[in-house]
C-alpha atoms as a PDB file:
ATOM      1  CA  MET A   1       0.005  -0.017  -0.014  1.00  0.00           C
ATOM      2  CA  ARG A   2       2.959   2.298   0.529  1.00  0.00           C
ATOM      3  CA  THR A   3       3.845   1.964  -3.164  1.00  0.00           C
ATOM      4  CA  ALA A   4       0.369   3.122  -4.116  1.00  0.00           C
ATOM      5  CA  ALA A   5       0.721   6.230  -1.918  1.00  0.00           C
ATOM      6  CA  VAL A   6       4.088   7.082  -3.392  1.00  0.00           C
ATOM      7  CA  LEU A   7       2.775   6.696  -6.941  1.00  0.00           C
ATOM      8  CA  LEU A   8      -0.235   8.756  -6.193  1.00  0.00           C
ATOM      9  CA  THR A   9       1.884  11.497  -4.612  1.00  0.00           C
ATOM     10  CA  LEU A  10       4.160  11.579  -7.659  1.00  0.00           C
ATOM     11  CA  ALA A  11       1.251  11.821  -9.987  1.00  0.00           C
ATOM     12  CA  MET A  12      -0.229  14.686  -7.895  1.00  0.00           C
ATOM     13  CA  ILE A  13       3.111  16.555  -7.898  1.00  0.00           C
ATOM     14  CA  MET A  14       3.267  16.176 -11.643  1.00  0.00           C
ATOM     15  CA  GLY A  15      -0.225  17.569 -11.885  1.00  0.00           C
ATOM     16  CA  LYS A  16      -1.556  14.589 -13.830  1.00  0.00           C
ATOM     17  CA  THR A  17      -2.408  10.974 -13.634  1.00  0.00           C
ATOM     18  CA  ASP A  18      -1.570   9.102 -16.785  1.00  0.00           C
ATOM     19  CA  PRO A  19      -3.154   5.724 -17.479  1.00  0.00           C
ATOM     20  CA  VAL A  20      -0.006   3.760 -16.653  1.00  0.00           C
ATOM     21  CA  ALA A  21       0.416   5.519 -13.260  1.00  0.00           C
ATOM     22  CA  SER A  22      -3.313   4.997 -12.502  1.00  0.00           C
ATOM     23  CA  GLN A  23      -3.015   1.319 -13.382  1.00  0.00           C
ATOM     24  CA  GLN A  24       0.088   0.952 -11.157  1.00  0.00           C
ATOM     25  CA  ILE A  25      -1.719   2.631  -8.290  1.00  0.00           C
ATOM     26  CA  ALA A  26      -4.699   0.370  -8.664  1.00  0.00           C
ATOM     27  CA  GLN A  27      -2.483  -2.738  -8.855  1.00  0.00           C
ATOM     28  CA  ALA A  28      -0.541  -1.684  -5.710  1.00  0.00           C
ATOM     29  CA  GLU A  29      -3.783  -1.057  -3.823  1.00  0.00           C
ATOM     30  CA  SER A  30      -5.131  -4.462  -4.885  1.00  0.00           C
ATOM     31  CA  LYS A  31      -1.948  -6.201  -3.708  1.00  0.00           C
ATOM     32  CA  GLY A  32      -2.194  -4.383  -0.429  1.00  0.00           C
ATOM     33  CA  LYS A  33      -5.756  -5.591   0.053  1.00  0.00           C
ATOM     34  CA  VAL A  34      -4.749  -9.165  -0.833  1.00  0.00           C
ATOM     35  CA  GLU A  35      -1.842  -9.074   1.627  1.00  0.00           C
ATOM     36  CA  GLN A  36      -4.076  -7.592   4.390  1.00  0.00           C
ATOM     37  CA  THR A  37      -6.566 -10.386   3.784  1.00  0.00           C
ATOM     38  CA  VAL A  38      -3.881 -13.000   4.326  1.00  0.00           C
ATOM     39  CA  VAL A  39      -2.373 -11.239   7.362  1.00  0.00           C
ATOM     40  CA  SER A  40      -5.826 -10.879   8.940  1.00  0.00           C
ATOM     41  CA  PHE A  41      -6.618 -14.499   8.178  1.00  0.00           C
ATOM     42  CA  LEU A  42      -3.402 -15.637   9.871  1.00  0.00           C
ATOM     43  CA  ALA A  43      -4.165 -13.471  12.982  1.00  0.00           C
ATOM     44  CA  GLU A  44      -7.631 -15.026  13.202  1.00  0.00           C
ATOM     45  CA  LEU A  45      -6.195 -18.496  12.660  1.00  0.00           C
ATOM     46  CA  GLY A  46      -3.646 -18.017  15.474  1.00  0.00           C
ATOM     47  CA  ALA A  47      -6.398 -16.721  17.774  1.00  0.00           C
ATOM     48  CA  LEU A  48      -8.532 -19.778  16.798  1.00  0.00           C
ATOM     49  CA  ASP A  49     -11.379 -17.451  15.816  1.00  0.00           C
ATOM     50  CA  VAL A  50     -13.185 -19.911  13.567  1.00  0.00           C
ATOM     51  CA  ASP A  51     -16.220 -17.719  13.075  1.00  0.00           C
ATOM     52  CA  ALA A  52     -14.018 -14.934  11.608  1.00  0.00           C
ATOM     53  CA  LEU A  53     -12.104 -17.437   9.508  1.00  0.00           C
ATOM     54  CA  GLU A  54     -15.297 -18.760   7.927  1.00  0.00           C
ATOM     55  CA  LYS A  55     -16.006 -15.298   6.534  1.00  0.00           C
ATOM     56  CA  ARG A  56     -12.645 -15.134   4.784  1.00  0.00           C
ATOM     57  CA  LEU A  57     -12.853 -18.539   3.114  1.00  0.00           C
ATOM     58  CA  HIS A  58     -14.491 -19.391  -0.234  1.00  0.00           C
ATOM     59  CA  PRO A  59     -17.246 -21.999   0.191  1.00  0.00           C
ATOM     60  CA  LYS A  60     -15.262 -24.495  -1.881  1.00  0.00           C
ATOM     61  CA  MET A  61     -11.885 -23.805  -0.177  1.00  0.00           C
ATOM     62  CA  SER A  62      -9.315 -26.557  -0.009  1.00  0.00           C
ATOM     63  CA  LEU A  63      -6.226 -27.160   2.091  1.00  0.00           C
ATOM     64  CA  LEU A  64      -3.052 -29.084   1.093  1.00  0.00           C
ATOM     65  CA  VAL A  65      -0.297 -29.642   3.668  1.00  0.00           C
ATOM     66  CA  VAL A  66       3.106 -31.163   2.996  1.00  0.00           C
ATOM     67  CA  ARG A  67       4.591 -31.847   6.435  1.00  0.00           C
ATOM     68  CA  LYS A  68       8.074 -33.081   7.263  1.00  0.00           C
ATOM     69  CA  THR A  69       8.010 -36.148   9.592  1.00  0.00           C
ATOM     70  CA  ASP A  70      10.564 -38.712  10.733  1.00  0.00           C
ATOM     71  CA  GLU A  71       9.311 -40.884   7.831  1.00  0.00           C
ATOM     72  CA  GLY A  72       9.789 -38.156   5.266  1.00  0.00           C
ATOM     73  CA  MET A  73       7.403 -35.629   3.659  1.00  0.00           C
ATOM     74  CA  LYS A  74       3.718 -36.538   4.233  1.00  0.00           C
ATOM     75  CA  THR A  75       0.833 -34.992   2.357  1.00  0.00           C
ATOM     76  CA  SER A  76      -2.673 -34.328   3.622  1.00  0.00           C
ATOM     77  CA  VAL A  77      -5.656 -32.702   1.986  1.00  0.00           C
ATOM     78  CA  SER A  78      -8.853 -31.291   3.565  1.00  0.00           C
ATOM     79  CA  ASP A  79     -11.889 -29.374   2.569  1.00  0.00           C
ATOM     80  CA  ARG A  80     -13.248 -26.248   4.250  1.00  0.00           C
ATOM     81  CA  ARG A  81     -15.871 -28.032   6.441  1.00  0.00           C
ATOM     82  CA  ASN A  82     -13.455 -30.649   7.870  1.00  0.00           C
ATOM     83  CA  TRP A  83     -10.604 -28.147   8.370  1.00  0.00           C
ATOM     84  CA  LEU A  84     -12.821 -25.706  10.267  1.00  0.00           C
ATOM     85  CA  ALA A  85     -14.212 -28.566  12.383  1.00  0.00           C
ATOM     86  CA  SER A  86     -10.654 -29.572  13.349  1.00  0.00           C
ATOM     87  CA  LEU A  87      -9.926 -26.010  14.396  1.00  0.00           C
ATOM     88  CA  ARG A  88     -12.998 -25.861  16.650  1.00  0.00           C
ATOM     89  CA  GLY A  89     -11.353 -28.491  18.842  1.00  0.00           C
ATOM     90  CA  ALA A  90      -8.067 -26.569  19.141  1.00  0.00           C
ATOM     91  CA  SER A  91      -7.382 -24.673  22.363  1.00  0.00           C
ATOM     92  CA  THR A  92      -3.847 -23.312  22.221  1.00  0.00           C
ATOM     93  CA  PRO A  93      -3.378 -20.043  20.329  1.00  0.00           C
ATOM     94  CA  PHE A  94      -0.292 -19.425  18.266  1.00  0.00           C
ATOM     95  CA  VAL A  95       1.266 -16.714  16.060  1.00  0.00           C
ATOM     96  CA  GLU A  96       2.031 -17.249  12.423  1.00  0.00           C
ATOM     97  CA  ARG A  97       4.343 -14.622  10.889  1.00  0.00           C
ATOM     98  CA  ILE A  98       4.963 -14.342   7.168  1.00  0.00           C
ATOM     99  CA  GLY A  99       7.863 -12.705   5.405  1.00  0.00           C
ATOM    100  CA  SER A 100       8.881 -11.768   1.921  1.00  0.00           C
ATOM    101  CA  PRO A 101       5.470 -12.192   0.365  1.00  0.00           C
ATOM    102  CA  ILE A 102       5.251 -12.453  -3.445  1.00  0.00           C
ATOM    103  CA  ILE A 103       1.827 -11.357  -4.650  1.00  0.00           C
ATOM    104  CA  THR A 104       0.447 -11.767  -8.154  1.00  0.00           C
ATOM    105  CA  ILE A 105      -2.990 -10.724  -9.342  1.00  0.00           C
ATOM    106  CA  ASP A 106      -4.464 -11.951 -12.672  1.00  0.00           C
ATOM    107  CA  GLY A 107      -7.459 -10.316 -14.291  1.00  0.00           C
ATOM    108  CA  GLY A 108      -8.175  -8.331 -11.172  1.00  0.00           C
ATOM    109  CA  THR A 109      -9.963 -11.225  -9.588  1.00  0.00           C
ATOM    110  CA  LEU A 110      -7.476 -14.083  -9.010  1.00  0.00           C
ATOM    111  CA  ALA A 111      -4.503 -13.599  -6.696  1.00  0.00           C
ATOM    112  CA  HIS A 112      -1.656 -15.799  -5.442  1.00  0.00           C
ATOM    113  CA  VAL A 113       0.478 -15.129  -2.380  1.00  0.00           C
ATOM    114  CA  ARG A 114       3.664 -17.037  -1.623  1.00  0.00           C
ATOM    115  CA  ALA A 115       5.386 -16.262   1.680  1.00  0.00           C
ATOM    116  CA  GLU A 116       7.853 -17.860   4.085  1.00  0.00           C
ATOM    117  CA  PHE A 117       6.396 -18.362   7.511  1.00  0.00           C
ATOM    118  CA  THR A 118       7.126 -19.290  11.081  1.00  0.00           C
ATOM    119  CA  VAL A 119       4.647 -20.549  13.661  1.00  0.00           C
ATOM    120  CA  GLU A 120       5.345 -19.487  17.243  1.00  0.00           C
ATOM    121  CA  ARG A 121       3.838 -20.362  20.557  1.00  0.00           C
ATOM    122  CA  GLU A 122       4.924 -18.654  23.767  1.00  0.00           C
ATOM    123  CA  GLY A 123       7.852 -17.098  21.989  1.00  0.00           C
ATOM    124  CA  ARG A 124       9.235 -20.409  20.672  1.00  0.00           C
ATOM    125  CA  ILE A 125       9.295 -21.234  16.935  1.00  0.00           C
ATOM    126  CA  LEU A 126       7.491 -24.552  16.449  1.00  0.00           C
ATOM    127  CA  SER A 127       7.726 -24.829  12.692  1.00  0.00           C
ATOM    128  CA  HIS A 128       8.453 -23.022   9.480  1.00  0.00           C
ATOM    129  CA  GLY A 129       7.855 -23.351   5.754  1.00  0.00           C
ATOM    130  CA  VAL A 130       6.286 -21.721   2.781  1.00  0.00           C
ATOM    131  CA  ASP A 131       2.570 -20.655   2.510  1.00  0.00           C
ATOM    132  CA  HIS A 132       0.735 -20.513  -0.754  1.00  0.00           C
ATOM    133  CA  PHE A 133      -2.685 -18.816  -0.835  1.00  0.00           C
ATOM    134  CA  THR A 134      -4.962 -18.542  -3.820  1.00  0.00           C
ATOM    135  CA  LEU A 135      -7.606 -15.872  -3.474  1.00  0.00           C
ATOM    136  CA  VAL A 136     -10.580 -14.924  -5.609  1.00  0.00           C
ATOM    137  CA  GLN A 137     -12.372 -11.629  -5.487  1.00  0.00           C
ATOM    138  CA  GLU A 138     -16.166 -11.956  -5.250  1.00  0.00           C
ATOM    139  CA  GLY A 139     -18.451  -9.046  -4.653  1.00  0.00           C
ATOM    140  CA  GLY A 140     -15.513  -6.791  -3.991  1.00  0.00           C
ATOM    141  CA  VAL A 141     -14.186  -9.049  -1.221  1.00  0.00           C
ATOM    142  CA  TRP A 142     -11.038 -11.247  -1.445  1.00  0.00           C
ATOM    143  CA  LEU A 143     -11.757 -14.809  -0.345  1.00  0.00           C
ATOM    144  CA  ILE A 144      -9.229 -17.546   0.206  1.00  0.00           C
ATOM    145  CA  ALA A 145      -9.986 -20.393  -2.162  1.00  0.00           C
ATOM    146  CA  ASN A 146      -6.935 -22.557  -1.564  1.00  0.00           C
ATOM    147  CA  ILE A 147      -4.233 -22.842   1.069  1.00  0.00           C
ATOM    148  CA  ALA A 148      -1.164 -24.996   0.516  1.00  0.00           C
ATOM    149  CA  TYR A 149       1.947 -25.047   2.631  1.00  0.00           C
ATOM    150  CA  THR A 150       5.019 -26.947   3.615  1.00  0.00           C
ATOM    151  CA  SER A 151       5.632 -27.441   7.294  1.00  0.00           C
ATOM    152  CA  ILE A 152       9.070 -28.250   8.742  1.00  0.00           C
ATOM    153  CA  PRO A 153       9.583 -28.606  12.481  1.00  0.00           C
ATOM    154  CA  GLY A 154      11.649 -26.084  14.349  1.00  0.00           C
ATOM    155  CA  PRO A 155      13.057 -22.739  13.278  1.00  0.00           C
ATOM    156  CA  PRO A 156      14.529 -22.100   9.809  1.00  0.00           C
ATOM    157  CA  ALA A 157      18.178 -23.012   9.438  1.00  0.00           C
END
């Protein structure tokens, strides 16, 4: 969102807004909204606020997890209903922090976010990996349609 503000300020200083600058501003604002959707989702997830999470998820949302175990990498898949049900039984909040997000938006309605993450509880890093979110804009709202991530125990090396 800072990029959008800088571009808008430059356009105002120049006394004009050309189509390219306007498009860049709109793109930066859209990316900011997508990133804020993901950051808010992760805060609600860490707080185990399932009711808030439901509002951010597409009705057909899916989840794919590739988790490192002693036996190697294990894959699991879930749908929205089953994943939310599993969260309702959780009782220990956590914090998931993302870094270096790469955001792409196609056609103004489909977005992808790739970001490195850490999961922390009581100040200790439990796991890390890479998150992938696919979002779709419906009715002016960005909804998470797919979540995929790798999960590796402990802090990053």
